[in-house]
Amino acid sequence: MAVLGVDGWRGKWVGALLTGRAVELVVLDDAAAVLAVPDVEVVAIDMPIGLSEDGVRACDVAARKLLGAAGSSVFPTPVRGVLATDDYAEARAISRAATDP
């Protein structure tokens, strides 16, 4: 069984393909290419599942605390409202309104 873990990277996907004990690093152009990697039974994508309606997600806070010094690797997740706009400044304003105390 092969497992592929991917993360967004420079407009593409970078992945680690694990087959048995062998690991191969791959760069893939798009989601279709990720899903087209042969003989992969599981694809794990590094992205948040579930966006908050009104603030910081408790799971992100807990993950940062659990990871201690490595907690900075847990990136802030946008609130759902930012998906309603294509404008960065507006998305930022929506996010700040929902997350600033």
PDB file of N, CA and C in Angstrom:
ATOM      1  N   MET A   1       0.838  -1.183   0.000  1.00  0.00           N
ATOM      2  CA  MET A   1       0.000   0.000   0.000  1.00  0.00           C
ATOM      3  C   MET A   1       0.881   1.244   0.000  1.00  0.00           C
ATOM      4  N   ALA A   2       0.565   2.196  -0.856  1.00  0.00           N
ATOM      5  CA  ALA A   2       1.288   3.464  -0.898  1.00  0.00           C
ATOM      6  C   ALA A   2       0.406   4.556  -0.298  1.00  0.00           C
ATOM      7  N   VAL A   3       1.056   5.479   0.389  1.00  0.00           N
ATOM      8  CA  VAL A   3       0.384   6.623   0.995  1.00  0.00           C
ATOM      9  C   VAL A   3       1.083   7.876   0.499  1.00  0.00           C
ATOM     10  N   LEU A   4       0.301   8.883   0.141  1.00  0.00           N
ATOM     11  CA  LEU A   4       0.854  10.140  -0.342  1.00  0.00           C
ATOM     12  C   LEU A   4       0.373  11.265   0.562  1.00  0.00           C
ATOM     13  N   GLY A   5       1.311  11.995   1.145  1.00  0.00           N
ATOM     14  CA  GLY A   5       0.986  13.175   1.935  1.00  0.00           C
ATOM     15  C   GLY A   5       1.409  14.401   1.153  1.00  0.00           C
ATOM     16  N   VAL A   6       0.502  15.375   0.989  1.00  0.00           N
ATOM     17  CA  VAL A   6       0.811  16.550   0.176  1.00  0.00           C
ATOM     18  C   VAL A   6       0.508  17.844   0.917  1.00  0.00           C
ATOM     19  N   ASP A   7       1.182  18.895   0.465  1.00  0.00           N
ATOM     20  CA  ASP A   7       0.982  20.235   1.004  1.00  0.00           C
ATOM     21  C   ASP A   7       1.170  21.218  -0.144  1.00  0.00           C
ATOM     22  N   GLY A   8       0.460  22.335  -0.081  1.00  0.00           N
ATOM     23  CA  GLY A   8       0.624  23.367  -1.094  1.00  0.00           C
ATOM     24  C   GLY A   8       2.025  23.953  -1.033  1.00  0.00           C
ATOM     25  N   TRP A   9       2.602  24.207  -2.221  1.00  0.00           N
ATOM     26  CA  TRP A   9       3.971  24.724  -2.283  1.00  0.00           C
ATOM     27  C   TRP A   9       4.185  25.443  -3.606  1.00  0.00           C
ATOM     28  N   ARG A  10       4.401  26.748  -3.557  1.00  0.00           N
ATOM     29  CA  ARG A  10       4.721  27.555  -4.735  1.00  0.00           C
ATOM     30  C   ARG A  10       3.754  27.337  -5.897  1.00  0.00           C
ATOM     31  N   GLY A  11       2.479  27.322  -5.589  1.00  0.00           N
ATOM     32  CA  GLY A  11       1.468  27.157  -6.627  1.00  0.00           C
ATOM     33  C   GLY A  11       1.306  25.735  -7.125  1.00  0.00           C
ATOM     34  N   LYS A  12       1.970  24.815  -6.483  1.00  0.00           N
ATOM     35  CA  LYS A  12       1.880  23.400  -6.845  1.00  0.00           C
ATOM     36  C   LYS A  12       1.646  22.603  -5.570  1.00  0.00           C
ATOM     37  N   TRP A  13       1.834  21.307  -5.654  1.00  0.00           N
ATOM     38  CA  TRP A  13       1.757  20.427  -4.497  1.00  0.00           C
ATOM     39  C   TRP A  13       3.092  19.720  -4.346  1.00  0.00           C
ATOM     40  N   VAL A  14       3.602  19.662  -3.141  1.00  0.00           N
ATOM     41  CA  VAL A  14       4.788  18.860  -2.853  1.00  0.00           C
ATOM     42  C   VAL A  14       4.307  17.695  -1.997  1.00  0.00           C
ATOM     43  N   GLY A  15       4.846  16.535  -2.290  1.00  0.00           N
ATOM     44  CA  GLY A  15       4.355  15.369  -1.577  1.00  0.00           C
ATOM     45  C   GLY A  15       5.451  14.411  -1.170  1.00  0.00           C
ATOM     46  N   ALA A  16       5.118  13.617  -0.177  1.00  0.00           N
ATOM     47  CA  ALA A  16       5.972  12.510   0.249  1.00  0.00           C
ATOM     48  C   ALA A  16       5.190  11.234  -0.027  1.00  0.00           C
ATOM     49  N   LEU A  17       5.730  10.423  -0.910  1.00  0.00           N
ATOM     50  CA  LEU A  17       5.100   9.166  -1.296  1.00  0.00           C
ATOM     51  C   LEU A  17       5.771   8.043  -0.520  1.00  0.00           C
ATOM     52  N   LEU A  18       5.004   7.409   0.338  1.00  0.00           N
ATOM     53  CA  LEU A  18       5.521   6.333   1.185  1.00  0.00           C
ATOM     54  C   LEU A  18       5.039   5.000   0.635  1.00  0.00           C
ATOM     55  N   THR A  19       5.994   4.190   0.208  1.00  0.00           N
ATOM     56  CA  THR A  19       5.694   2.843  -0.272  1.00  0.00           C
ATOM     57  C   THR A  19       6.535   1.883   0.553  1.00  0.00           C
ATOM     58  N   GLY A  20       5.885   1.125   1.416  1.00  0.00           N
ATOM     59  CA  GLY A  20       6.641   0.294   2.355  1.00  0.00           C
ATOM     60  C   GLY A  20       7.457   1.193   3.261  1.00  0.00           C
ATOM     61  N   ARG A  21       8.779   1.031   3.221  1.00  0.00           N
ATOM     62  CA  ARG A  21       9.666   1.886   4.022  1.00  0.00           C
ATOM     63  C   ARG A  21      10.382   2.929   3.176  1.00  0.00           C
ATOM     64  N   ALA A  22      10.090   2.955   1.893  1.00  0.00           N
ATOM     65  CA  ALA A  22      10.736   3.910   0.987  1.00  0.00           C
ATOM     66  C   ALA A  22       9.909   5.188   0.876  1.00  0.00           C
ATOM     67  N   VAL A  23      10.592   6.325   0.902  1.00  0.00           N
ATOM     68  CA  VAL A  23       9.931   7.619   0.756  1.00  0.00           C
ATOM     69  C   VAL A  23      10.491   8.310  -0.478  1.00  0.00           C
ATOM     70  N   GLU A  24       9.592   8.776  -1.322  1.00  0.00           N
ATOM     71  CA  GLU A  24       9.978   9.528  -2.517  1.00  0.00           C
ATOM     72  C   GLU A  24       9.301  10.889  -2.456  1.00  0.00           C
ATOM     73  N   LEU A  25      10.071  11.957  -2.651  1.00  0.00           N
ATOM     74  CA  LEU A  25       9.499  13.297  -2.687  1.00  0.00           C
ATOM     75  C   LEU A  25       9.081  13.611  -4.114  1.00  0.00           C
ATOM     76  N   VAL A  26       7.887  14.178  -4.253  1.00  0.00           N
ATOM     77  CA  VAL A  26       7.354  14.476  -5.581  1.00  0.00           C
ATOM     78  C   VAL A  26       6.788  15.891  -5.605  1.00  0.00           C
ATOM     79  N   VAL A  27       6.832  16.512  -6.776  1.00  0.00           N
ATOM     80  CA  VAL A  27       6.192  17.803  -7.007  1.00  0.00           C
ATOM     81  C   VAL A  27       5.125  17.574  -8.064  1.00  0.00           C
ATOM     82  N   LEU A  28       3.904  18.000  -7.749  1.00  0.00           N
ATOM     83  CA  LEU A  28       2.766  17.750  -8.628  1.00  0.00           C
ATOM     84  C   LEU A  28       2.108  19.076  -8.997  1.00  0.00           C
ATOM     85  N   ASP A  29       1.677  19.195 -10.244  1.00  0.00           N
ATOM     86  CA  ASP A  29       1.172  20.471 -10.755  1.00  0.00           C
ATOM     87  C   ASP A  29      -0.172  20.902 -10.179  1.00  0.00           C
ATOM     88  N   ASP A  30      -1.064  19.941  -9.943  1.00  0.00           N
ATOM     89  CA  ASP A  30      -2.411  20.311  -9.505  1.00  0.00           C
ATOM     90  C   ASP A  30      -3.073  19.133  -8.800  1.00  0.00           C
ATOM     91  N   ALA A  31      -4.303  19.352  -8.337  1.00  0.00           N
ATOM     92  CA  ALA A  31      -5.012  18.304  -7.596  1.00  0.00           C
ATOM     93  C   ALA A  31      -5.243  17.066  -8.452  1.00  0.00           C
ATOM     94  N   ALA A  32      -5.479  17.260  -9.741  1.00  0.00           N
ATOM     95  CA  ALA A  32      -5.669  16.103 -10.627  1.00  0.00           C
ATOM     96  C   ALA A  32      -4.409  15.247 -10.662  1.00  0.00           C
ATOM     97  N   ALA A  33      -3.255  15.892 -10.675  1.00  0.00           N
ATOM     98  CA  ALA A  33      -1.991  15.147 -10.675  1.00  0.00           C
ATOM     99  C   ALA A  33      -1.797  14.411  -9.353  1.00  0.00           C
ATOM    100  N   VAL A  34      -2.228  15.022  -8.254  1.00  0.00           N
ATOM    101  CA  VAL A  34      -2.142  14.358  -6.946  1.00  0.00           C
ATOM    102  C   VAL A  34      -2.961  13.068  -6.974  1.00  0.00           C
ATOM    103  N   LEU A  35      -4.174  13.166  -7.485  1.00  0.00           N
ATOM    104  CA  LEU A  35      -5.061  12.002  -7.503  1.00  0.00           C
ATOM    105  C   LEU A  35      -4.671  10.966  -8.552  1.00  0.00           C
ATOM    106  N   ALA A  36      -3.810  11.356  -9.491  1.00  0.00           N
ATOM    107  CA  ALA A  36      -3.407  10.439 -10.558  1.00  0.00           C
ATOM    108  C   ALA A  36      -2.144   9.642 -10.228  1.00  0.00           C
ATOM    109  N   VAL A  37      -1.535   9.888  -9.074  1.00  0.00           N
ATOM    110  CA  VAL A  37      -0.338   9.125  -8.714  1.00  0.00           C
ATOM    111  C   VAL A  37      -0.748   7.654  -8.601  1.00  0.00           C
ATOM    112  N   PRO A  38      -0.076   6.780  -9.349  1.00  0.00           N
ATOM    113  CA  PRO A  38      -0.505   5.377  -9.383  1.00  0.00           C
ATOM    114  C   PRO A  38      -0.263   4.626  -8.073  1.00  0.00           C
ATOM    115  N   ASP A  39      -1.135   3.671  -7.824  1.00  0.00           N
ATOM    116  CA  ASP A  39      -1.012   2.723  -6.710  1.00  0.00           C
ATOM    117  C   ASP A  39      -1.083   3.363  -5.327  1.00  0.00           C
ATOM    118  N   VAL A  40      -1.668   4.551  -5.232  1.00  0.00           N
ATOM    119  CA  VAL A  40      -1.825   5.217  -3.936  1.00  0.00           C
ATOM    120  C   VAL A  40      -3.206   4.876  -3.386  1.00  0.00           C
ATOM    121  N   GLU A  41      -3.233   4.387  -2.164  1.00  0.00           N
ATOM    122  CA  GLU A  41      -4.509   4.040  -1.534  1.00  0.00           C
ATOM    123  C   GLU A  41      -5.033   5.148  -0.633  1.00  0.00           C
ATOM    124  N   VAL A  42      -4.128   5.978  -0.122  1.00  0.00           N
ATOM    125  CA  VAL A  42      -4.525   7.066   0.769  1.00  0.00           C
ATOM    126  C   VAL A  42      -3.776   8.325   0.371  1.00  0.00           C
ATOM    127  N   VAL A  43      -4.512   9.441   0.253  1.00  0.00           N
ATOM    128  CA  VAL A  43      -3.903  10.750   0.047  1.00  0.00           C
ATOM    129  C   VAL A  43      -4.263  11.601   1.260  1.00  0.00           C
ATOM    130  N   ALA A  44      -3.249  12.124   1.929  1.00  0.00           N
ATOM    131  CA  ALA A  44      -3.458  12.999   3.082  1.00  0.00           C
ATOM    132  C   ALA A  44      -3.050  14.411   2.675  1.00  0.00           C
ATOM    133  N   ILE A  45      -3.977  15.347   2.790  1.00  0.00           N
ATOM    134  CA  ILE A  45      -3.724  16.726   2.372  1.00  0.00           C
ATOM    135  C   ILE A  45      -3.616  17.601   3.610  1.00  0.00           C
ATOM    136  N   ASP A  46      -2.540  18.375   3.692  1.00  0.00           N
ATOM    137  CA  ASP A  46      -2.328  19.268   4.822  1.00  0.00           C
ATOM    138  C   ASP A  46      -3.138  20.536   4.598  1.00  0.00           C
ATOM    139  N   MET A  47      -4.355  20.517   5.102  1.00  0.00           N
ATOM    140  CA  MET A  47      -5.211  21.697   5.029  1.00  0.00           C
ATOM    141  C   MET A  47      -6.264  21.607   6.121  1.00  0.00           C
ATOM    142  N   PRO A  48      -6.740  22.766   6.560  1.00  0.00           N
ATOM    143  CA  PRO A  48      -7.743  22.735   7.625  1.00  0.00           C
ATOM    144  C   PRO A  48      -9.057  22.141   7.138  1.00  0.00           C
ATOM    145  N   ILE A  49      -9.687  21.409   8.013  1.00  0.00           N
ATOM    146  CA  ILE A  49     -11.014  20.872   7.730  1.00  0.00           C
ATOM    147  C   ILE A  49     -11.975  21.564   8.687  1.00  0.00           C
ATOM    148  N   GLY A  50     -12.886  22.294   8.146  1.00  0.00           N
ATOM    149  CA  GLY A  50     -13.845  23.021   8.968  1.00  0.00           C
ATOM    150  C   GLY A  50     -13.321  24.388   9.346  1.00  0.00           C
ATOM    151  N   LEU A  51     -14.006  25.406   8.919  1.00  0.00           N
ATOM    152  CA  LEU A  51     -13.616  26.772   9.236  1.00  0.00           C
ATOM    153  C   LEU A  51     -14.576  27.344  10.263  1.00  0.00           C
ATOM    154  N   SER A  52     -14.045  28.160  11.140  1.00  0.00           N
ATOM    155  CA  SER A  52     -14.848  28.790  12.178  1.00  0.00           C
ATOM    156  C   SER A  52     -15.733  29.872  11.569  1.00  0.00           C
ATOM    157  N   GLU A  53     -16.889  30.033  12.140  1.00  0.00           N
ATOM    158  CA  GLU A  53     -17.780  31.115  11.722  1.00  0.00           C
ATOM    159  C   GLU A  53     -17.398  32.426  12.401  1.00  0.00           C
ATOM    160  N   ASP A  54     -16.817  32.321  13.605  1.00  0.00           N
ATOM    161  CA  ASP A  54     -16.716  33.531  14.412  1.00  0.00           C
ATOM    162  C   ASP A  54     -15.447  33.677  15.243  1.00  0.00           C
ATOM    163  N   GLY A  55     -14.369  33.073  14.838  1.00  0.00           N
ATOM    164  CA  GLY A  55     -13.149  33.290  15.603  1.00  0.00           C
ATOM    165  C   GLY A  55     -12.132  32.185  15.436  1.00  0.00           C
ATOM    166  N   VAL A  56     -11.145  32.202  16.302  1.00  0.00           N
ATOM    167  CA  VAL A  56     -10.046  31.245  16.266  1.00  0.00           C
ATOM    168  C   VAL A  56     -10.573  29.855  16.628  1.00  0.00           C
ATOM    169  N   ARG A  57     -10.112  28.844  15.899  1.00  0.00           N
ATOM    170  CA  ARG A  57     -10.552  27.477  16.179  1.00  0.00           C
ATOM    171  C   ARG A  57      -9.849  26.938  17.420  1.00  0.00           C
ATOM    172  N   ALA A  58     -10.610  26.334  18.300  1.00  0.00           N
ATOM    173  CA  ALA A  58     -10.059  25.772  19.536  1.00  0.00           C
ATOM    174  C   ALA A  58      -9.027  24.689  19.238  1.00  0.00           C
ATOM    175  N   CYS A  59      -9.227  23.924  18.164  1.00  0.00           N
ATOM    176  CA  CYS A  59      -8.274  22.856  17.835  1.00  0.00           C
ATOM    177  C   CYS A  59      -6.908  23.429  17.455  1.00  0.00           C
ATOM    178  N   ASP A  60      -6.888  24.610  16.811  1.00  0.00           N
ATOM    179  CA  ASP A  60      -5.609  25.236  16.467  1.00  0.00           C
ATOM    180  C   ASP A  60      -4.881  25.700  17.726  1.00  0.00           C
ATOM    181  N   VAL A  61      -5.626  26.280  18.650  1.00  0.00           N
ATOM    182  CA  VAL A  61      -5.043  26.729  19.919  1.00  0.00           C
ATOM    183  C   VAL A  61      -4.473  25.530  20.679  1.00  0.00           C
ATOM    184  N   ALA A  62      -5.235  24.444  20.733  1.00  0.00           N
ATOM    185  CA  ALA A  62      -4.790  23.239  21.444  1.00  0.00           C
ATOM    186  C   ALA A  62      -3.562  22.624  20.773  1.00  0.00           C
ATOM    187  N   ALA A  63      -3.543  22.611  19.446  1.00  0.00           N
ATOM    188  CA  ALA A  63      -2.397  22.042  18.725  1.00  0.00           C
ATOM    189  C   ALA A  63      -1.135  22.856  18.984  1.00  0.00           C
ATOM    190  N   ARG A  64      -1.254  24.188  18.957  1.00  0.00           N
ATOM    191  CA  ARG A  64      -0.086  25.036  19.237  1.00  0.00           C
ATOM    192  C   ARG A  64       0.447  24.766  20.641  1.00  0.00           C
ATOM    193  N   LYS A  65      -0.458  24.644  21.601  1.00  0.00           N
ATOM    194  CA  LYS A  65      -0.056  24.386  22.987  1.00  0.00           C
ATOM    195  C   LYS A  65       0.629  23.024  23.104  1.00  0.00           C
ATOM    196  N   LEU A  66       0.050  22.020  22.476  1.00  0.00           N
ATOM    197  CA  LEU A  66       0.606  20.668  22.531  1.00  0.00           C
ATOM    198  C   LEU A  66       2.001  20.604  21.909  1.00  0.00           C
ATOM    199  N   LEU A  67       2.215  21.361  20.832  1.00  0.00           N
ATOM    200  CA  LEU A  67       3.495  21.318  20.119  1.00  0.00           C
ATOM    201  C   LEU A  67       4.578  22.179  20.761  1.00  0.00           C
ATOM    202  N   GLY A  68       4.214  23.010  21.706  1.00  0.00           N
ATOM    203  CA  GLY A  68       5.206  23.835  22.394  1.00  0.00           C
ATOM    204  C   GLY A  68       5.974  24.720  21.428  1.00  0.00           C
ATOM    205  N   ALA A  69       7.302  24.590  21.418  1.00  0.00           N
ATOM    206  CA  ALA A  69       8.154  25.436  20.578  1.00  0.00           C
ATOM    207  C   ALA A  69       7.855  25.273  19.087  1.00  0.00           C
ATOM    208  N   ALA A  70       7.330  24.137  18.693  1.00  0.00           N
ATOM    209  CA  ALA A  70       7.000  23.904  17.284  1.00  0.00           C
ATOM    210  C   ALA A  70       5.584  24.376  16.946  1.00  0.00           C
ATOM    211  N   GLY A  71       4.906  24.987  17.898  1.00  0.00           N
ATOM    212  CA  GLY A  71       3.531  25.428  17.697  1.00  0.00           C
ATOM    213  C   GLY A  71       3.352  26.429  16.574  1.00  0.00           C
ATOM    214  N   SER A  72       4.416  27.145  16.233  1.00  0.00           N
ATOM    215  CA  SER A  72       4.308  28.123  15.146  1.00  0.00           C
ATOM    216  C   SER A  72       4.068  27.450  13.794  1.00  0.00           C
ATOM    217  N   SER A  73       4.220  26.137  13.731  1.00  0.00           N
ATOM    218  CA  SER A  73       3.958  25.428  12.472  1.00  0.00           C
ATOM    219  C   SER A  73       2.461  25.216  12.241  1.00  0.00           C
ATOM    220  N   VAL A  74       1.635  25.546  13.228  1.00  0.00           N
ATOM    221  CA  VAL A  74       0.179  25.492  13.062  1.00  0.00           C
ATOM    222  C   VAL A  74      -0.258  26.885  12.622  1.00  0.00           C
ATOM    223  N   PHE A  75      -0.605  27.007  11.357  1.00  0.00           N
ATOM    224  CA  PHE A  75      -0.934  28.310  10.791  1.00  0.00           C
ATOM    225  C   PHE A  75      -2.351  28.728  11.170  1.00  0.00           C
ATOM    226  N   PRO A  76      -2.562  30.031  11.326  1.00  0.00           N
ATOM    227  CA  PRO A  76      -3.918  30.509  11.607  1.00  0.00           C
ATOM    228  C   PRO A  76      -4.862  30.130  10.460  1.00  0.00           C
ATOM    229  N   THR A  77      -6.048  29.708  10.816  1.00  0.00           N
ATOM    230  CA  THR A  77      -7.043  29.315   9.829  1.00  0.00           C
ATOM    231  C   THR A  77      -8.011  30.474   9.617  1.00  0.00           C
ATOM    232  N   PRO A  78      -8.321  30.796   8.373  1.00  0.00           N
ATOM    233  CA  PRO A  78      -9.261  31.900   8.151  1.00  0.00           C
ATOM    234  C   PRO A  78     -10.669  31.533   8.609  1.00  0.00           C
ATOM    235  N   VAL A  79     -11.452  32.546   8.906  1.00  0.00           N
ATOM    236  CA  VAL A  79     -12.860  32.304   9.224  1.00  0.00           C
ATOM    237  C   VAL A  79     -13.619  32.073   7.918  1.00  0.00           C
ATOM    238  N   ARG A  80     -14.731  31.389   8.013  1.00  0.00           N
ATOM    239  CA  ARG A  80     -15.507  31.015   6.829  1.00  0.00           C
ATOM    240  C   ARG A  80     -15.894  32.229   5.973  1.00  0.00           C
ATOM    241  N   GLY A  81     -16.157  33.354   6.605  1.00  0.00           N
ATOM    242  CA  GLY A  81     -16.601  34.543   5.883  1.00  0.00           C
ATOM    243  C   GLY A  81     -15.646  35.036   4.809  1.00  0.00           C
ATOM    244  N   VAL A  82     -14.357  34.733   4.931  1.00  0.00           N
ATOM    245  CA  VAL A  82     -13.406  35.216   3.926  1.00  0.00           C
ATOM    246  C   VAL A  82     -13.615  34.537   2.570  1.00  0.00           C
ATOM    247  N   LEU A  83     -14.314  33.419   2.558  1.00  0.00           N
ATOM    248  CA  LEU A  83     -14.563  32.724   1.293  1.00  0.00           C
ATOM    249  C   LEU A  83     -15.561  33.471   0.414  1.00  0.00           C
ATOM    250  N   ALA A  84     -16.230  34.466   0.983  1.00  0.00           N
ATOM    251  CA  ALA A  84     -17.246  35.210   0.240  1.00  0.00           C
ATOM    252  C   ALA A  84     -16.660  36.314  -0.634  1.00  0.00           C
ATOM    253  N   THR A  85     -15.352  36.516  -0.584  1.00  0.00           N
ATOM    254  CA  THR A  85     -14.756  37.602  -1.353  1.00  0.00           C
ATOM    255  C   THR A  85     -13.491  37.157  -2.072  1.00  0.00           C
ATOM    256  N   ASP A  86     -13.211  37.823  -3.179  1.00  0.00           N
ATOM    257  CA  ASP A  86     -11.956  37.604  -3.905  1.00  0.00           C
ATOM    258  C   ASP A  86     -10.944  38.693  -3.586  1.00  0.00           C
ATOM    259  N   ASP A  87     -11.353  39.665  -2.787  1.00  0.00           N
ATOM    260  CA  ASP A  87     -10.515  40.818  -2.488  1.00  0.00           C
ATOM    261  C   ASP A  87      -9.753  40.595  -1.179  1.00  0.00           C
ATOM    262  N   TYR A  88      -8.423  40.674  -1.240  1.00  0.00           N
ATOM    263  CA  TYR A  88      -7.592  40.404  -0.064  1.00  0.00           C
ATOM    264  C   TYR A  88      -7.902  41.361   1.086  1.00  0.00           C
ATOM    265  N   ALA A  89      -8.002  42.652   0.788  1.00  0.00           N
ATOM    266  CA  ALA A  89      -8.251  43.636   1.849  1.00  0.00           C
ATOM    267  C   ALA A  89      -9.591  43.363   2.537  1.00  0.00           C
ATOM    268  N   GLU A  90     -10.594  43.018   1.755  1.00  0.00           N
ATOM    269  CA  GLU A  90     -11.899  42.717   2.336  1.00  0.00           C
ATOM    270  C   GLU A  90     -11.842  41.435   3.169  1.00  0.00           C
ATOM    271  N   ALA A  91     -11.150  40.425   2.661  1.00  0.00           N
ATOM    272  CA  ALA A  91     -11.010  39.171   3.407  1.00  0.00           C
ATOM    273  C   ALA A  91     -10.294  39.420   4.733  1.00  0.00           C
ATOM    274  N   ARG A  92      -9.278  40.243   4.692  1.00  0.00           N
ATOM    275  CA  ARG A  92      -8.536  40.572   5.910  1.00  0.00           C
ATOM    276  C   ARG A  92      -9.431  41.295   6.918  1.00  0.00           C
ATOM    277  N   ALA A  93     -10.239  42.222   6.427  1.00  0.00           N
ATOM    278  CA  ALA A  93     -11.153  42.957   7.309  1.00  0.00           C
ATOM    279  C   ALA A  93     -12.187  42.015   7.930  1.00  0.00           C
ATOM    280  N   ILE A  94     -12.702  41.086   7.138  1.00  0.00           N
ATOM    281  CA  ILE A  94     -13.669  40.106   7.648  1.00  0.00           C
ATOM    282  C   ILE A  94     -13.020  39.255   8.733  1.00  0.00           C
ATOM    283  N   SER A  95     -11.804  38.807   8.472  1.00  0.00           N
ATOM    284  CA  SER A  95     -11.095  37.965   9.431  1.00  0.00           C
ATOM    285  C   SER A  95     -10.817  38.716  10.728  1.00  0.00           C
ATOM    286  N   ARG A  96     -10.343  39.932  10.605  1.00  0.00           N
ATOM    287  CA  ARG A  96     -10.042  40.719  11.810  1.00  0.00           C
ATOM    288  C   ARG A  96     -11.292  41.004  12.626  1.00  0.00           C
ATOM    289  N   ALA A  97     -12.383  41.303  11.942  1.00  0.00           N
ATOM    290  CA  ALA A  97     -13.633  41.583  12.656  1.00  0.00           C
ATOM    291  C   ALA A  97     -14.099  40.356  13.441  1.00  0.00           C
ATOM    292  N   ALA A  98     -13.823  39.177  12.904  1.00  0.00           N
ATOM    293  CA  ALA A  98     -14.276  37.946  13.558  1.00  0.00           C
ATOM    294  C   ALA A  98     -13.322  37.461  14.641  1.00  0.00           C
ATOM    295  N   THR A  99     -12.050  37.847  14.562  1.00  0.00           N
ATOM    296  CA  THR A  99     -11.074  37.261  15.486  1.00  0.00           C
ATOM    297  C   THR A  99     -10.451  38.237  16.469  1.00  0.00           C
ATOM    298  N   ASP A 100     -10.498  39.528  16.197  1.00  0.00           N
ATOM    299  CA  ASP A 100      -9.918  40.487  17.144  1.00  0.00           C
ATOM    300  C   ASP A 100     -10.859  40.668  18.331  1.00  0.00           C
ATOM    301  N   PRO A 101     -10.285  40.688  19.530  1.00  0.00           N
ATOM    302  CA  PRO A 101     -11.135  40.870  20.726  1.00  0.00           C
ATOM    303  C   PRO A 101     -11.729  42.258  20.807  1.00  0.00           C
TER     304      PRO A 101
END
